[in-house]
Amino acid sequence: MIAALAFTSMAQAQDRTPVINHRLHNQERRINQGVRSGELTRNETRHLRADDRRIANQRNRALATGRMNRAERGHLRHEENRASRSIYRDKHNDRVS
């Protein structure tokens, strides 16, 4: 029963943050492409995925109250921008796996 409630609340949280969800999905796709092409090392990949998990956890905590306020949304957008720059930097730093 607890798992069903957790799944339901996650599904509701994802419905209320479509832009954040889309960016996280897009960034995960960029990371996977970097792994396939050899542009990302194992360590870089681990750090980038940890950043994405951290942002998703922050989103879930912000939505735990039922609504995300402007400051929380701005903070998440800032974190997503930082993660996006990290993905770009790591993919273009000439380190190969």
Protein backbone atom coordinates (compact mmCIF):
# COMPACT_ATOMS: atom_id res chain seq x y z
CA MET A 1 0.00 0.00 0.00
CA ILE A 2 2.83 2.39 0.84
CA ALA A 3 4.47 1.70 -2.51
CA ALA A 4 1.20 2.45 -4.29
CA LEU A 5 0.87 5.75 -2.45
CA ALA A 6 4.48 6.66 -3.22
CA PHE A 7 3.98 5.85 -6.89
CA THR A 8 0.76 7.88 -7.02
CA SER A 9 2.38 10.89 -5.37
CA MET A 10 5.36 10.69 -7.73
CA ALA A 11 3.03 10.54 -10.73
CA GLN A 12 1.14 13.58 -9.47
CA ALA A 13 4.39 15.44 -8.82
CA GLN A 14 5.58 14.71 -12.33
CA ASP A 15 2.33 16.02 -13.80
CA ARG A 16 2.71 19.34 -12.02
CA THR A 17 6.26 20.01 -13.20
CA PRO A 18 6.31 19.23 -16.93
CA VAL A 19 9.15 21.63 -17.79
CA ILE A 20 11.40 20.31 -15.04
CA ASN A 21 10.59 16.72 -16.00
CA HIS A 22 11.31 17.41 -19.66
CA ARG A 23 14.67 18.99 -18.85
CA LEU A 24 15.68 16.10 -16.59
CA HIS A 25 14.70 13.63 -19.29
CA ASN A 26 16.61 15.60 -21.93
CA GLN A 27 19.70 15.82 -19.75
CA GLU A 28 19.59 12.08 -19.07
CA ARG A 29 19.36 11.52 -22.84
CA ARG A 30 22.41 13.77 -23.37
CA ILE A 31 24.37 11.83 -20.73
CA ASN A 32 23.44 8.49 -22.32
CA GLN A 33 24.53 9.76 -25.74
CA GLY A 34 27.85 10.86 -24.23
CA VAL A 35 28.38 7.40 -22.75
CA ARG A 36 27.58 5.69 -26.07
CA SER A 37 29.90 7.97 -28.03
CA GLY A 38 32.73 7.66 -25.49
CA GLU A 39 32.75 11.39 -24.75
CA LEU A 40 32.04 10.79 -21.06
CA THR A 41 34.22 8.80 -18.71
CA ARG A 42 32.70 6.51 -16.09
CA ASN A 43 33.49 9.01 -13.34
CA GLU A 44 31.99 11.94 -15.26
CA THR A 45 28.86 9.92 -15.92
CA ARG A 46 28.52 9.01 -12.26
CA HIS A 47 28.77 12.66 -11.20
CA LEU A 48 26.34 13.89 -13.86
CA ARG A 49 23.74 11.27 -12.96
CA ALA A 50 24.15 12.15 -9.27
CA ASP A 51 23.42 15.78 -10.17
CA ASP A 52 20.23 14.72 -11.96
CA ARG A 53 19.13 12.60 -8.99
CA ARG A 54 19.81 15.51 -6.64
CA ILE A 55 17.66 17.84 -8.77
CA ALA A 56 14.85 15.26 -8.92
CA ASN A 57 15.00 14.87 -5.13
CA GLN A 58 14.86 18.65 -4.70
CA ARG A 59 11.82 18.74 -6.99
CA ASN A 60 10.10 16.03 -4.96
CA ARG A 61 10.83 17.83 -1.67
CA ALA A 62 9.51 21.10 -3.10
CA LEU A 63 6.32 19.35 -4.20
CA ALA A 64 5.87 17.53 -0.89
CA THR A 65 3.88 20.50 0.39
CA GLY A 66 1.53 20.15 -2.56
CA ARG A 67 2.70 23.19 -4.48
CA MET A 68 6.01 24.60 -5.67
CA ASN A 69 6.55 28.30 -5.06
CA ARG A 70 8.40 30.73 -7.34
CA ALA A 71 11.63 30.63 -5.31
CA GLU A 72 11.76 26.83 -5.38
CA ARG A 73 11.07 26.79 -9.11
CA GLY A 74 13.82 29.38 -9.69
CA HIS A 75 16.27 27.40 -7.59
CA LEU A 76 15.52 24.23 -9.56
CA ARG A 77 15.91 26.08 -12.85
CA HIS A 78 19.30 27.37 -11.67
CA GLU A 79 20.39 23.85 -10.68
CA GLU A 80 19.23 22.47 -14.04
CA ASN A 81 21.23 25.14 -15.85
CA ARG A 82 24.34 24.24 -13.84
CA ALA A 83 23.85 20.54 -14.60
CA SER A 84 23.39 21.30 -18.30
CA ARG A 85 26.64 23.26 -18.40
CA SER A 86 28.41 20.41 -16.61
CA ILE A 87 27.16 17.94 -19.20
CA TYR A 88 28.41 20.16 -22.02
CA ARG A 89 31.80 20.72 -20.35
CA ASP A 90 32.33 17.05 -19.62
CA LYS A 91 31.33 15.99 -23.12
CA HIS A 92 33.73 18.47 -24.71
CA ASN A 93 36.81 18.17 -22.47
CA ASP A 94 38.62 15.70 -24.74
CA ARG A 95 38.66 12.96 -22.10
CA VAL A 96 37.54 9.64 -23.49
CA SER A 97 36.47 6.45 -21.79
